[in-house]
Amino acid sequence: MSFADWIESQSELGADPAEIDAAIGAEQRLKAATIIAREVLTNPSEDAVLAVFADVCASAALGTTIHPRQRPTLH
């Protein structure tokens, strides 16, 4: 079952919309974590992706954005 199918079935079953929204948010954060891990590591392990996911979730909970570490400029 795809995630879209799961959302549709939950809606049809009368699931709480807040729970569906929370699942969508978690799925989006997991996709972002996967993308970030793949940009940093050639072939990230599941543990690496989950570590990034934890950071993304923590950042989302604090309402802050995740950005690359600032590097000193050459100027």
PDB file of N, CA and C in Angstrom:
ATOM      1  N   MET A   1       0.846  -1.175   0.000  1.00  0.00           N
ATOM      2  CA  MET A   1       0.000   0.000   0.000  1.00  0.00           C
ATOM      3  C   MET A   1       0.892   1.239   0.000  1.00  0.00           C
ATOM      4  N   SER A   2       0.614   2.141  -0.907  1.00  0.00           N
ATOM      5  CA  SER A   2       1.382   3.381  -0.956  1.00  0.00           C
ATOM      6  C   SER A   2       0.923   4.317   0.166  1.00  0.00           C
ATOM      7  N   PHE A   3       1.740   5.307   0.426  1.00  0.00           N
ATOM      8  CA  PHE A   3       1.387   6.282   1.459  1.00  0.00           C
ATOM      9  C   PHE A   3       0.112   7.029   1.075  1.00  0.00           C
ATOM     10  N   ALA A   4      -0.032   7.351  -0.196  1.00  0.00           N
ATOM     11  CA  ALA A   4      -1.238   8.044  -0.667  1.00  0.00           C
ATOM     12  C   ALA A   4      -2.474   7.171  -0.449  1.00  0.00           C
ATOM     13  N   ASP A   5      -2.340   5.864  -0.707  1.00  0.00           N
ATOM     14  CA  ASP A   5      -3.450   4.943  -0.462  1.00  0.00           C
ATOM     15  C   ASP A   5      -3.783   4.877   1.025  1.00  0.00           C
ATOM     16  N   TRP A   6      -2.746   4.886   1.868  1.00  0.00           N
ATOM     17  CA  TRP A   6      -2.963   4.848   3.306  1.00  0.00           C
ATOM     18  C   TRP A   6      -3.730   6.090   3.754  1.00  0.00           C
ATOM     19  N   ILE A   7      -3.340   7.250   3.249  1.00  0.00           N
ATOM     20  CA  ILE A   7      -4.033   8.490   3.603  1.00  0.00           C
ATOM     21  C   ILE A   7      -5.494   8.407   3.191  1.00  0.00           C
ATOM     22  N   GLU A   8      -5.733   7.946   1.996  1.00  0.00           N
ATOM     23  CA  GLU A   8      -7.106   7.830   1.500  1.00  0.00           C
ATOM     24  C   GLU A   8      -7.924   6.865   2.366  1.00  0.00           C
ATOM     25  N   SER A   9      -7.348   5.720   2.706  1.00  0.00           N
ATOM     26  CA  SER A   9      -8.091   4.750   3.514  1.00  0.00           C
ATOM     27  C   SER A   9      -8.357   5.290   4.920  1.00  0.00           C
ATOM     28  N   GLN A  10      -7.388   5.999   5.481  1.00  0.00           N
ATOM     29  CA  GLN A  10      -7.592   6.576   6.807  1.00  0.00           C
ATOM     30  C   GLN A  10      -8.695   7.634   6.776  1.00  0.00           C
ATOM     31  N   SER A  11      -8.717   8.415   5.727  1.00  0.00           N
ATOM     32  CA  SER A  11      -9.769   9.427   5.577  1.00  0.00           C
ATOM     33  C   SER A  11     -11.138   8.759   5.473  1.00  0.00           C
ATOM     34  N   GLU A  12     -11.204   7.688   4.683  1.00  0.00           N
ATOM     35  CA  GLU A  12     -12.461   6.968   4.512  1.00  0.00           C
ATOM     36  C   GLU A  12     -12.921   6.308   5.807  1.00  0.00           C
ATOM     37  N   LEU A  13     -11.971   5.899   6.639  1.00  0.00           N
ATOM     38  CA  LEU A  13     -12.300   5.255   7.913  1.00  0.00           C
ATOM     39  C   LEU A  13     -12.625   6.264   9.008  1.00  0.00           C
ATOM     40  N   GLY A  14     -12.494   7.542   8.678  1.00  0.00           N
ATOM     41  CA  GLY A  14     -12.836   8.593   9.640  1.00  0.00           C
ATOM     42  C   GLY A  14     -11.752   8.898  10.651  1.00  0.00           C
ATOM     43  N   ALA A  15     -10.506   8.660  10.279  1.00  0.00           N
ATOM     44  CA  ALA A  15      -9.394   8.963  11.179  1.00  0.00           C
ATOM     45  C   ALA A  15      -9.338  10.458  11.463  1.00  0.00           C
ATOM     46  N   ASP A  16      -8.801  10.778  12.612  1.00  0.00           N
ATOM     47  CA  ASP A  16      -8.652  12.176  13.017  1.00  0.00           C
ATOM     48  C   ASP A  16      -7.755  12.894  12.003  1.00  0.00           C
ATOM     49  N   PRO A  17      -8.226  13.992  11.407  1.00  0.00           N
ATOM     50  CA  PRO A  17      -7.403  14.710  10.425  1.00  0.00           C
ATOM     51  C   PRO A  17      -6.056  15.165  10.987  1.00  0.00           C
ATOM     52  N   ALA A  18      -5.999  15.443  12.281  1.00  0.00           N
ATOM     53  CA  ALA A  18      -4.727  15.863  12.884  1.00  0.00           C
ATOM     54  C   ALA A  18      -3.715  14.721  12.853  1.00  0.00           C
ATOM     55  N   GLU A  19      -4.187  13.484  13.027  1.00  0.00           N
ATOM     56  CA  GLU A  19      -3.286  12.334  12.966  1.00  0.00           C
ATOM     57  C   GLU A  19      -2.778  12.117  11.540  1.00  0.00           C
ATOM     58  N   ILE A  20      -3.652  12.319  10.578  1.00  0.00           N
ATOM     59  CA  ILE A  20      -3.238  12.188   9.172  1.00  0.00           C
ATOM     60  C   ILE A  20      -2.217  13.277   8.842  1.00  0.00           C
ATOM     61  N   ASP A  21      -2.473  14.501   9.279  1.00  0.00           N
ATOM     62  CA  ASP A  21      -1.530  15.601   9.055  1.00  0.00           C
ATOM     63  C   ASP A  21      -0.183  15.315   9.711  1.00  0.00           C
ATOM     64  N   ALA A  22      -0.211  14.738  10.912  1.00  0.00           N
ATOM     65  CA  ALA A  22       1.036  14.408  11.601  1.00  0.00           C
ATOM     66  C   ALA A  22       1.816  13.354  10.815  1.00  0.00           C
ATOM     67  N   ALA A  23       1.114  12.366  10.278  1.00  0.00           N
ATOM     68  CA  ALA A  23       1.777  11.329   9.482  1.00  0.00           C
ATOM     69  C   ALA A  23       2.371  11.919   8.210  1.00  0.00           C
ATOM     70  N   ILE A  24       1.644  12.833   7.588  1.00  0.00           N
ATOM     71  CA  ILE A  24       2.160  13.484   6.378  1.00  0.00           C
ATOM     72  C   ILE A  24       3.418  14.278   6.711  1.00  0.00           C
ATOM     73  N   GLY A  25       3.387  15.000   7.818  1.00  0.00           N
ATOM     74  CA  GLY A  25       4.560  15.770   8.237  1.00  0.00           C
ATOM     75  C   GLY A  25       5.765  14.883   8.498  1.00  0.00           C
ATOM     76  N   ALA A  26       5.534  13.763   9.179  1.00  0.00           N
ATOM     77  CA  ALA A  26       6.626  12.827   9.459  1.00  0.00           C
ATOM     78  C   ALA A  26       7.186  12.241   8.165  1.00  0.00           C
ATOM     79  N   GLU A  27       6.306  11.908   7.234  1.00  0.00           N
ATOM     80  CA  GLU A  27       6.752  11.351   5.958  1.00  0.00           C
ATOM     81  C   GLU A  27       7.578  12.377   5.177  1.00  0.00           C
ATOM     82  N   GLN A  28       7.168  13.635   5.221  1.00  0.00           N
ATOM     83  CA  GLN A  28       7.923  14.683   4.538  1.00  0.00           C
ATOM     84  C   GLN A  28       9.285  14.892   5.189  1.00  0.00           C
ATOM     85  N   ARG A  29       9.329  14.837   6.524  1.00  0.00           N
ATOM     86  CA  ARG A  29      10.614  14.987   7.217  1.00  0.00           C
ATOM     87  C   ARG A  29      11.538  13.812   6.906  1.00  0.00           C
ATOM     88  N   LEU A  30      10.976  12.607   6.797  1.00  0.00           N
ATOM     89  CA  LEU A  30      11.796  11.444   6.454  1.00  0.00           C
ATOM     90  C   LEU A  30      12.355  11.565   5.035  1.00  0.00           C
ATOM     91  N   LYS A  31      11.543  12.049   4.106  1.00  0.00           N
ATOM     92  CA  LYS A  31      12.045  12.269   2.741  1.00  0.00           C
ATOM     93  C   LYS A  31      13.165  13.302   2.740  1.00  0.00           C
ATOM     94  N   ALA A  32      12.978  14.391   3.501  1.00  0.00           N
ATOM     95  CA  ALA A  32      14.014  15.424   3.582  1.00  0.00           C
ATOM     96  C   ALA A  32      15.292  14.848   4.179  1.00  0.00           C
ATOM     97  N   ALA A  33      15.164  14.055   5.232  1.00  0.00           N
ATOM     98  CA  ALA A  33      16.335  13.447   5.870  1.00  0.00           C
ATOM     99  C   ALA A  33      17.068  12.527   4.905  1.00  0.00           C
ATOM    100  N   THR A  34      16.325  11.792   4.124  1.00  0.00           N
ATOM    101  CA  THR A  34      16.931  10.891   3.139  1.00  0.00           C
ATOM    102  C   THR A  34      17.710  11.686   2.097  1.00  0.00           C
ATOM    103  N   ILE A  35      17.123  12.765   1.619  1.00  0.00           N
ATOM    104  CA  ILE A  35      17.796  13.615   0.628  1.00  0.00           C
ATOM    105  C   ILE A  35      19.056  14.230   1.217  1.00  0.00           C
ATOM    106  N   ILE A  36      18.954  14.762   2.432  1.00  0.00           N
ATOM    107  CA  ILE A  36      20.114  15.383   3.087  1.00  0.00           C
ATOM    108  C   ILE A  36      21.219  14.353   3.275  1.00  0.00           C
ATOM    109  N   ALA A  37      20.875  13.177   3.774  1.00  0.00           N
ATOM    110  CA  ALA A  37      21.887  12.141   4.006  1.00  0.00           C
ATOM    111  C   ALA A  37      22.559  11.724   2.705  1.00  0.00           C
ATOM    112  N   ARG A  38      21.794  11.637   1.630  1.00  0.00           N
ATOM    113  CA  ARG A  38      22.383  11.248   0.341  1.00  0.00           C
ATOM    114  C   ARG A  38      23.286  12.338  -0.227  1.00  0.00           C
ATOM    115  N   GLU A  39      23.011  13.590   0.105  1.00  0.00           N
ATOM    116  CA  GLU A  39      23.872  14.680  -0.361  1.00  0.00           C
ATOM    117  C   GLU A  39      25.203  14.674   0.374  1.00  0.00           C
ATOM    118  N   VAL A  40      25.182  14.278   1.639  1.00  0.00           N
ATOM    119  CA  VAL A  40      26.384  14.307   2.466  1.00  0.00           C
ATOM    120  C   VAL A  40      27.189  13.013   2.329  1.00  0.00           C
ATOM    121  N   LEU A  41      26.481  11.895   2.265  1.00  0.00           N
ATOM    122  CA  LEU A  41      27.125  10.584   2.189  1.00  0.00           C
ATOM    123  C   LEU A  41      26.772   9.924   0.865  1.00  0.00           C
ATOM    124  N   THR A  42      27.700   9.222   0.282  1.00  0.00           N
ATOM    125  CA  THR A  42      27.449   8.570  -1.001  1.00  0.00           C
ATOM    126  C   THR A  42      26.349   7.530  -0.898  1.00  0.00           C
ATOM    127  N   ASN A  43      26.451   6.683   0.088  1.00  0.00           N
ATOM    128  CA  ASN A  43      25.480   5.605   0.268  1.00  0.00           C
ATOM    129  C   ASN A  43      25.166   5.515   1.764  1.00  0.00           C
ATOM    130  N   PRO A  44      24.280   6.394   2.273  1.00  0.00           N
ATOM    131  CA  PRO A  44      24.050   6.441   3.722  1.00  0.00           C
ATOM    132  C   PRO A  44      23.366   5.174   4.247  1.00  0.00           C
ATOM    133  N   SER A  45      23.776   4.780   5.429  1.00  0.00           N
ATOM    134  CA  SER A  45      23.132   3.650   6.084  1.00  0.00           C
ATOM    135  C   SER A  45      21.773   4.099   6.633  1.00  0.00           C
ATOM    136  N   GLU A  46      20.972   3.124   7.002  1.00  0.00           N
ATOM    137  CA  GLU A  46      19.680   3.440   7.604  1.00  0.00           C
ATOM    138  C   GLU A  46      19.881   4.231   8.899  1.00  0.00           C
ATOM    139  N   ASP A  47      20.913   3.870   9.667  1.00  0.00           N
ATOM    140  CA  ASP A  47      21.208   4.591  10.908  1.00  0.00           C
ATOM    141  C   ASP A  47      21.552   6.050  10.640  1.00  0.00           C
ATOM    142  N   ALA A  48      22.300   6.300   9.558  1.00  0.00           N
ATOM    143  CA  ALA A  48      22.656   7.677   9.208  1.00  0.00           C
ATOM    144  C   ALA A  48      21.415   8.476   8.830  1.00  0.00           C
ATOM    145  N   VAL A  49      20.542   7.868   8.044  1.00  0.00           N
ATOM    146  CA  VAL A  49      19.308   8.555   7.655  1.00  0.00           C
ATOM    147  C   VAL A  49      18.451   8.847   8.890  1.00  0.00           C
ATOM    148  N   LEU A  50      18.363   7.879   9.797  1.00  0.00           N
ATOM    149  CA  LEU A  50      17.567   8.078  11.010  1.00  0.00           C
ATOM    150  C   LEU A  50      18.173   9.139  11.917  1.00  0.00           C
ATOM    151  N   ALA A  51      19.494   9.259  11.936  1.00  0.00           N
ATOM    152  CA  ALA A  51      20.137  10.317  12.715  1.00  0.00           C
ATOM    153  C   ALA A  51      19.787  11.684  12.138  1.00  0.00           C
ATOM    154  N   VAL A  52      19.823  11.799  10.826  1.00  0.00           N
ATOM    155  CA  VAL A  52      19.434  13.059  10.186  1.00  0.00           C
ATOM    156  C   VAL A  52      17.947  13.323  10.433  1.00  0.00           C
ATOM    157  N   PHE A  53      17.127  12.276  10.347  1.00  0.00           N
ATOM    158  CA  PHE A  53      15.689  12.403  10.605  1.00  0.00           C
ATOM    159  C   PHE A  53      15.440  12.939  12.015  1.00  0.00           C
ATOM    160  N   ALA A  54      16.190  12.429  12.996  1.00  0.00           N
ATOM    161  CA  ALA A  54      16.044  12.914  14.364  1.00  0.00           C
ATOM    162  C   ALA A  54      16.372  14.399  14.455  1.00  0.00           C
ATOM    163  N   ASP A  55      17.423  14.834  13.760  1.00  0.00           N
ATOM    164  CA  ASP A  55      17.777  16.257  13.752  1.00  0.00           C
ATOM    165  C   ASP A  55      16.705  17.091  13.062  1.00  0.00           C
ATOM    166  N   VAL A  56      16.168  16.591  11.966  1.00  0.00           N
ATOM    167  CA  VAL A  56      15.110  17.308  11.251  1.00  0.00           C
ATOM    168  C   VAL A  56      13.873  17.435  12.145  1.00  0.00           C
ATOM    169  N   CYS A  57      13.517  16.354  12.827  1.00  0.00           N
ATOM    170  CA  CYS A  57      12.351  16.391  13.717  1.00  0.00           C
ATOM    171  C   CYS A  57      12.575  17.350  14.880  1.00  0.00           C
ATOM    172  N   ALA A  58      13.762  17.325  15.455  1.00  0.00           N
ATOM    173  CA  ALA A  58      14.081  18.236  16.559  1.00  0.00           C
ATOM    174  C   ALA A  58      14.014  19.680  16.100  1.00  0.00           C
ATOM    175  N   SER A  59      14.524  19.933  14.919  1.00  0.00           N
ATOM    176  CA  SER A  59      14.479  21.283  14.361  1.00  0.00           C
ATOM    177  C   SER A  59      13.041  21.719  14.106  1.00  0.00           C
ATOM    178  N   ALA A  60      12.238  20.807  13.572  1.00  0.00           N
ATOM    179  CA  ALA A  60      10.827  21.125  13.304  1.00  0.00           C
ATOM    180  C   ALA A  60      10.093  21.417  14.605  1.00  0.00           C
ATOM    181  N   ALA A  61      10.406  20.673  15.661  1.00  0.00           N
ATOM    182  CA  ALA A  61       9.743  20.876  16.947  1.00  0.00           C
ATOM    183  C   ALA A  61      10.091  22.237  17.539  1.00  0.00           C
ATOM    184  N   LEU A  62      11.310  22.688  17.278  1.00  0.00           N
ATOM    185  CA  LEU A  62      11.741  23.994  17.786  1.00  0.00           C
ATOM    186  C   LEU A  62      11.332  25.137  16.870  1.00  0.00           C
ATOM    187  N   GLY A  63      10.878  24.802  15.685  1.00  0.00           N
ATOM    188  CA  GLY A  63      10.491  25.833  14.730  1.00  0.00           C
ATOM    189  C   GLY A  63      11.674  26.542  14.104  1.00  0.00           C
ATOM    190  N   THR A  64      12.818  25.869  14.063  1.00  0.00           N
ATOM    191  CA  THR A  64      14.009  26.459  13.453  1.00  0.00           C
ATOM    192  C   THR A  64      14.280  25.784  12.127  1.00  0.00           C
ATOM    193  N   THR A  65      15.093  26.408  11.330  1.00  0.00           N
ATOM    194  CA  THR A  65      15.451  25.805  10.049  1.00  0.00           C
ATOM    195  C   THR A  65      16.821  25.166  10.160  1.00  0.00           C
ATOM    196  N   ILE A  66      17.017  24.139   9.369  1.00  0.00           N
ATOM    197  CA  ILE A  66      18.312  23.469   9.309  1.00  0.00           C
ATOM    198  C   ILE A  66      19.070  24.060   8.138  1.00  0.00           C
ATOM    199  N   HIS A  67      20.298  24.421   8.379  1.00  0.00           N
ATOM    200  CA  HIS A  67      21.107  24.989   7.310  1.00  0.00           C
ATOM    201  C   HIS A  67      22.522  24.465   7.433  1.00  0.00           C
ATOM    202  N   PRO A  68      23.257  24.519   6.348  1.00  0.00           N
ATOM    203  CA  PRO A  68      24.645  24.056   6.407  1.00  0.00           C
ATOM    204  C   PRO A  68      25.438  24.906   7.395  1.00  0.00           C
ATOM    205  N   ARG A  69      26.477  24.316   7.928  1.00  0.00           N
ATOM    206  CA  ARG A  69      27.329  25.070   8.838  1.00  0.00           C
ATOM    207  C   ARG A  69      27.902  26.275   8.108  1.00  0.00           C
ATOM    208  N   GLN A  70      27.918  27.382   8.797  1.00  0.00           N
ATOM    209  CA  GLN A  70      28.473  28.589   8.201  1.00  0.00           C
ATOM    210  C   GLN A  70      29.986  28.416   8.049  1.00  0.00           C
ATOM    211  N   ARG A  71      30.486  28.827   6.917  1.00  0.00           N
ATOM    212  CA  ARG A  71      31.924  28.754   6.656  1.00  0.00           C
ATOM    213  C   ARG A  71      32.455  30.169   6.496  1.00  0.00           C
ATOM    214  N   PRO A  72      33.653  30.395   6.976  1.00  0.00           N
ATOM    215  CA  PRO A  72      34.210  31.731   6.816  1.00  0.00           C
ATOM    216  C   PRO A  72      34.402  32.054   5.328  1.00  0.00           C
ATOM    217  N   THR A  73      34.166  33.287   4.992  1.00  0.00           N
ATOM    218  CA  THR A  73      34.366  33.697   3.597  1.00  0.00           C
ATOM    219  C   THR A  73      35.835  34.004   3.363  1.00  0.00           C
ATOM    220  N   LEU A  74      36.198  34.033   2.112  1.00  0.00           N
ATOM    221  CA  LEU A  74      37.587  34.313   1.763  1.00  0.00           C
ATOM    222  C   LEU A  74      37.851  35.806   1.601  1.00  0.00           C
ATOM    223  N   HIS A  75      36.833  36.615   1.727  1.00  0.00           N
ATOM    224  CA  HIS A  75      37.004  38.052   1.518  1.00  0.00           C
ATOM    225  C   HIS A  75      37.290  38.771   2.798  1.00  0.00           C
TER     226      HIS A  75
END
